[in-house]
């Protein structure tokens, strides 16, 4: 199982935004031995938020090994071709270290950002599916027809990164089964992860695709032994990526704690 964390780009709590030095954060996560760092994404959220592609490019520029991930990209907020161009560039500058999380957005943030981008909030699910159907071909540089009939091939081509579809509802699970290599859920337990894996296997059969894995965003207990046991349970449930967000603005301490949990697992 891969263990990662979020870069200090935003937070659900507008009173306590977690904004920090992205370069220092990415370097610290890599030096601490973590497997991945992730950026949130939105135009306007309930708290200040950094632009995700710039954030990930910055993280890629100061690291060599650690994976960088959209956690998650609001694909329907952008034209699919433009999103693919950004993804191609990130793959290039990072040396193919990108993890591509895709989501439709938390309704708690409202629809102002969508309206400001000229995108439909109510139609975002359908447009996400529409874009996911053509995104791999666009990234790979293959000739592609857009929904409006425009034909193009983007270059330079890039390797299509692993795709994770986020969302705790049945629509997101269906979307993951149809398009993704992993389903990314928020806050589910190891037991729920195991149950979800079986459901995803059944759903993927309808699309004649390999079953997606399960990945989870979940906070860790403050006690090291309890955190180690929880991470072990997620690993035993077959979770592929476990992303542990910092609890507060002291993201350095949060990163160091996740690293301690990983070290404790090695010593077990």
Protein backbone atom coordinates (compact mmCIF):
# COMPACT_ATOMS: atom_id res chain seq x y z
CA UNK A 1 0.00 0.00 0.00
CA UNK A 2 1.19 3.51 -0.86
CA UNK A 3 1.06 6.09 1.94
CA UNK A 4 0.75 9.77 1.07
CA UNK A 5 -0.47 13.16 2.24
CA UNK A 6 -1.82 16.44 0.97
CA UNK A 7 0.29 19.45 0.13
CA UNK A 8 -0.59 22.59 2.13
CA UNK A 9 -2.88 24.09 -0.52
CA UNK A 10 -6.21 24.53 1.28
CA UNK A 11 -8.54 23.05 3.90
CA UNK A 12 -12.26 22.42 4.34
CA UNK A 13 -12.24 24.91 7.26
CA UNK A 14 -12.25 28.50 5.94
CA UNK A 15 -11.29 29.80 9.39
CA UNK A 16 -8.05 27.80 9.37
CA UNK A 17 -6.61 27.60 5.86
CA UNK A 18 -3.62 25.29 5.49
CA UNK A 19 -1.40 27.22 3.12
CA UNK A 20 2.34 26.66 3.20
CA UNK A 21 5.58 26.49 1.27
CA UNK A 22 4.91 23.93 -1.47
CA UNK A 23 8.58 23.45 -2.27
CA UNK A 24 9.50 22.79 1.35
CA UNK A 25 6.49 20.51 1.82
CA UNK A 26 7.25 18.38 -1.23
CA UNK A 27 10.91 18.06 -0.29
CA UNK A 28 10.05 17.12 3.29
CA UNK A 29 7.54 14.48 2.18
CA UNK A 30 10.10 12.92 -0.14
CA UNK A 31 12.90 13.03 2.42
CA UNK A 32 10.57 11.47 5.01
CA UNK A 33 9.97 8.51 2.69
CA UNK A 34 6.31 9.13 1.86
CA UNK A 35 5.02 7.70 -1.41
CA UNK A 36 2.88 10.57 -2.72
CA UNK A 37 1.78 14.17 -2.27
CA UNK A 38 -1.56 15.47 -3.51
CA UNK A 39 -3.14 18.80 -4.39
CA UNK A 40 -6.75 19.82 -3.98
CA UNK A 41 -8.45 21.59 -6.89
CA UNK A 42 -11.08 24.28 -7.42
CA UNK A 43 -11.49 27.78 -8.77
CA UNK A 44 -13.39 29.01 -5.72
CA UNK A 45 -13.75 26.89 -2.58
CA UNK A 46 -14.93 27.54 0.96
CA UNK A 47 -11.37 28.53 1.91
CA UNK A 48 -8.37 30.00 0.07
CA UNK A 49 -6.98 27.43 -2.38
CA UNK A 50 -3.94 27.26 -4.65
CA UNK A 51 -4.25 26.29 -8.32
CA UNK A 52 -3.57 22.57 -8.55
CA UNK A 53 -1.49 22.25 -11.72
CA UNK A 54 0.92 25.00 -10.67
CA UNK A 55 1.13 23.37 -7.25
CA UNK A 56 1.97 19.94 -8.65
CA UNK A 57 4.48 21.34 -11.14
CA UNK A 58 6.22 23.11 -8.26
CA UNK A 59 6.31 19.89 -6.24
CA UNK A 60 7.65 17.96 -9.21
CA UNK A 61 10.42 20.50 -9.81
CA UNK A 62 11.98 20.06 -6.36
CA UNK A 63 11.65 16.27 -6.01
CA UNK A 64 12.90 13.18 -7.82
CA UNK A 65 11.03 10.14 -6.53
CA UNK A 66 7.74 10.93 -4.85
CA UNK A 67 4.50 10.63 -6.86
CA UNK A 68 2.43 13.80 -7.34
CA UNK A 69 -1.33 13.56 -7.47
CA UNK A 70 -4.45 15.56 -8.25
CA UNK A 71 -6.59 15.01 -5.21
CA UNK A 72 -8.79 15.58 -7.14
CA UNK A 73 -9.01 17.36 -10.51
CA UNK A 74 -12.46 18.77 -11.28
CA UNK A 75 -12.38 17.64 -14.88
CA UNK A 76 -15.73 19.16 -15.87
CA UNK A 77 -14.52 22.60 -14.77
CA UNK A 78 -12.19 22.66 -17.81
CA UNK A 79 -12.36 21.82 -21.51
CA UNK A 80 -11.16 18.23 -21.81
CA UNK A 81 -8.43 19.12 -24.31
CA UNK A 82 -6.99 21.78 -22.01
CA UNK A 83 -7.00 19.41 -19.03
CA UNK A 84 -5.22 16.80 -21.16
CA UNK A 85 -2.58 19.36 -22.17
CA UNK A 86 -1.89 20.18 -18.51
CA UNK A 87 -1.65 16.48 -17.68
CA UNK A 88 0.77 15.90 -20.57
CA UNK A 89 2.98 18.71 -19.30
CA UNK A 90 2.95 17.41 -15.72
CA UNK A 91 3.92 13.95 -16.89
CA UNK A 92 6.81 15.48 -18.83
CA UNK A 93 8.19 17.73 -16.07
CA UNK A 94 7.73 15.08 -13.35
CA UNK A 95 9.20 12.14 -15.25
CA UNK A 96 5.86 10.26 -15.37
CA UNK A 97 5.16 10.55 -11.64
CA UNK A 98 1.59 11.83 -11.91
CA UNK A 99 -1.45 10.23 -10.26
CA UNK A 100 -4.66 11.52 -11.82
CA UNK A 101 -7.50 11.79 -9.34
CA UNK A 102 -10.79 12.88 -10.94
CA UNK A 103 -13.87 14.17 -9.15
CA UNK A 104 -17.05 16.17 -9.69
CA UNK A 105 -16.70 18.54 -6.74
CA UNK A 106 -18.12 18.87 -3.25
CA UNK A 107 -21.52 20.64 -3.28
CA UNK A 108 -20.49 22.29 0.01
CA UNK A 109 -18.33 24.69 -2.01
CA UNK A 110 -21.35 25.92 -3.99
CA UNK A 111 -21.60 26.67 -7.70
CA UNK A 112 -19.93 30.10 -7.89
CA UNK A 113 -16.63 28.69 -9.13
CA UNK A 114 -18.41 26.72 -11.81
CA UNK A 115 -20.37 29.73 -13.01
CA UNK A 116 -17.18 31.82 -13.02
CA UNK A 117 -15.51 29.21 -15.24
CA UNK A 118 -18.49 29.10 -17.60
CA UNK A 119 -19.16 25.47 -16.65
CA UNK A 120 -22.41 23.81 -15.66
CA UNK A 121 -22.61 22.74 -12.02
CA UNK A 122 -25.74 20.64 -12.43
CA UNK A 123 -24.38 18.90 -15.53
CA UNK A 124 -20.92 18.20 -14.11
CA UNK A 125 -21.44 14.44 -13.71
CA UNK A 126 -22.39 13.89 -17.34
CA UNK A 127 -19.59 16.14 -18.55
CA UNK A 128 -17.08 14.27 -16.37
CA UNK A 129 -18.09 10.98 -18.00
CA UNK A 130 -17.94 12.60 -21.42
CA UNK A 131 -14.43 13.88 -20.80
CA UNK A 132 -13.19 10.63 -19.26
CA UNK A 133 -14.13 8.79 -22.45
CA UNK A 134 -11.70 10.85 -24.52
CA UNK A 135 -9.09 11.91 -21.95
CA UNK A 136 -6.74 8.90 -22.33
CA UNK A 137 -6.56 9.33 -26.11
CA UNK A 138 -5.92 13.05 -25.75
CA UNK A 139 -3.10 12.49 -23.25
CA UNK A 140 -1.56 9.76 -25.37
CA UNK A 141 -1.52 12.04 -28.42
CA UNK A 142 -3.90 9.91 -30.45
CA UNK A 143 -6.26 11.55 -32.96
CA UNK A 144 -9.41 12.35 -30.99
CA UNK A 145 -12.84 13.74 -31.82
CA UNK A 146 -14.25 16.13 -29.23
CA UNK A 147 -17.98 16.14 -28.45
CA UNK A 148 -18.51 19.11 -30.78
CA UNK A 149 -16.83 17.26 -33.66
CA UNK A 150 -13.46 19.01 -33.47
CA UNK A 151 -10.65 16.58 -34.30
CA UNK A 152 -7.16 17.02 -32.88
CA UNK A 153 -4.04 15.25 -31.67
CA UNK A 154 -2.13 16.83 -28.80
CA UNK A 155 1.65 16.67 -28.68
CA UNK A 156 4.02 15.86 -27.21
CA UNK A 157 2.22 12.68 -26.23
CA UNK A 158 2.55 11.40 -22.67
CA UNK A 159 2.00 8.19 -20.80
CA UNK A 160 -1.55 8.06 -19.45
CA UNK A 161 -1.21 8.28 -15.66
CA UNK A 162 -3.10 6.02 -13.27
CA UNK A 163 -6.66 7.32 -13.00
CA UNK A 164 -8.51 7.41 -9.67
CA UNK A 165 -12.17 8.42 -9.58
CA UNK A 166 -13.30 10.04 -6.33
CA UNK A 167 -16.65 10.20 -4.58
CA UNK A 168 -18.43 8.15 -1.95
CA UNK A 169 -21.68 7.62 -3.81
CA UNK A 170 -22.86 4.93 -6.23
CA UNK A 171 -22.40 7.18 -9.26
CA UNK A 172 -18.73 7.65 -8.43
CA UNK A 173 -18.29 3.91 -7.94
CA UNK A 174 -19.92 3.26 -11.30
CA UNK A 175 -17.64 5.88 -12.88
CA UNK A 176 -14.59 4.23 -11.34
CA UNK A 177 -15.64 0.82 -12.62
CA UNK A 178 -16.07 2.21 -16.13
CA UNK A 179 -13.04 4.47 -16.42
CA UNK A 180 -10.54 4.18 -13.58
CA UNK A 181 -7.87 2.01 -12.08
CA UNK A 182 -8.90 2.92 -8.54
CA UNK A 183 -11.89 4.29 -6.64
CA UNK A 184 -10.92 7.06 -4.18
CA UNK A 185 -13.23 7.32 -1.17
CA UNK A 186 -13.19 9.69 1.78
CA UNK A 187 -13.23 8.41 5.34
CA UNK A 188 -14.42 4.86 4.80
CA UNK A 189 -13.22 2.16 7.19
CA UNK A 190 -11.05 -0.83 6.30
CA UNK A 191 -14.14 -3.04 6.51
CA UNK A 192 -16.05 -0.75 4.15
CA UNK A 193 -13.03 -0.75 1.82
CA UNK A 194 -13.14 -4.53 1.59
CA UNK A 195 -16.87 -4.52 0.85
CA UNK A 196 -16.43 -1.81 -1.78
CA UNK A 197 -13.74 -3.84 -3.54
CA UNK A 198 -16.22 -6.66 -4.08
CA UNK A 199 -18.85 -4.24 -5.40
CA UNK A 200 -16.34 -2.69 -7.79
CA UNK A 201 -15.38 -6.12 -9.11
CA UNK A 202 -19.01 -6.88 -9.94
CA UNK A 203 -19.55 -3.47 -11.52
CA UNK A 204 -16.38 -3.64 -13.64
CA UNK A 205 -17.52 -6.94 -15.15
CA UNK A 206 -20.37 -5.08 -16.84
CA UNK A 207 -17.82 -2.90 -18.63
CA UNK A 208 -15.47 -5.82 -19.31
CA UNK A 209 -12.70 -4.05 -17.43
CA UNK A 210 -10.32 -5.09 -14.66
CA UNK A 211 -11.71 -4.34 -11.22
CA UNK A 212 -10.52 -1.00 -9.81
CA UNK A 213 -8.64 -1.01 -6.54
CA UNK A 214 -9.82 1.00 -3.53
CA UNK A 215 -7.95 4.08 -2.33
CA UNK A 216 -8.89 6.11 0.74
CA UNK A 217 -8.45 9.60 2.18
CA UNK A 218 -8.59 9.27 5.96
CA UNK A 219 -7.08 11.04 8.98
CA UNK A 220 -4.88 8.99 11.28
CA UNK A 221 -5.31 8.71 15.06
CA UNK A 222 -2.89 10.82 17.07
CA UNK A 223 -1.56 7.77 18.91
CA UNK A 224 1.26 6.11 16.93
CA UNK A 225 0.30 2.53 17.81
CA UNK A 226 -3.34 3.13 16.93
CA UNK A 227 -2.36 4.81 13.66
CA UNK A 228 -0.06 1.90 12.78
CA UNK A 229 -2.84 -0.61 13.47
CA UNK A 230 -5.32 1.36 11.36
CA UNK A 231 -2.92 1.61 8.42
CA UNK A 232 -2.23 -2.11 8.73
CA UNK A 233 -5.96 -2.81 8.56
CA UNK A 234 -6.29 -0.71 5.40
CA UNK A 235 -3.40 -2.58 3.82
CA UNK A 236 -4.92 -5.94 4.73
CA UNK A 237 -8.20 -4.76 3.14
CA UNK A 238 -6.34 -4.27 -0.15
CA UNK A 239 -6.31 -0.46 -0.20
CA UNK A 240 -3.86 0.81 -2.82
CA UNK A 241 -3.36 4.45 -1.76
CA UNK A 242 -3.98 5.76 1.75
CA UNK A 243 -3.82 9.56 1.89
CA UNK A 244 -3.55 11.01 5.40
CA UNK A 245 -4.19 14.78 5.40
CA UNK A 246 -2.50 17.11 7.91
CA UNK A 247 -4.75 17.83 10.88
CA UNK A 248 -3.97 21.56 10.99
CA UNK A 249 -1.67 24.27 9.69
CA UNK A 250 1.33 22.53 11.29
CA UNK A 251 1.75 20.34 8.24
CA UNK A 252 5.42 19.63 8.99
CA UNK A 253 4.50 17.77 12.16
CA UNK A 254 1.74 15.99 10.25
CA UNK A 255 4.15 14.80 7.58
CA UNK A 256 6.65 13.61 10.18
CA UNK A 257 3.93 11.66 11.96
CA UNK A 258 2.84 9.88 8.78
CA UNK A 259 6.50 9.02 8.18
CA UNK A 260 6.73 7.58 11.70
CA UNK A 261 3.69 5.42 11.00
CA UNK A 262 5.34 4.11 7.85
CA UNK A 263 8.55 3.36 9.73
CA UNK A 264 6.56 1.57 12.44
CA UNK A 265 5.00 -0.65 9.78
CA UNK A 266 8.44 -1.61 8.47
CA UNK A 267 9.58 -2.59 11.95
CA UNK A 268 6.51 -4.63 12.74
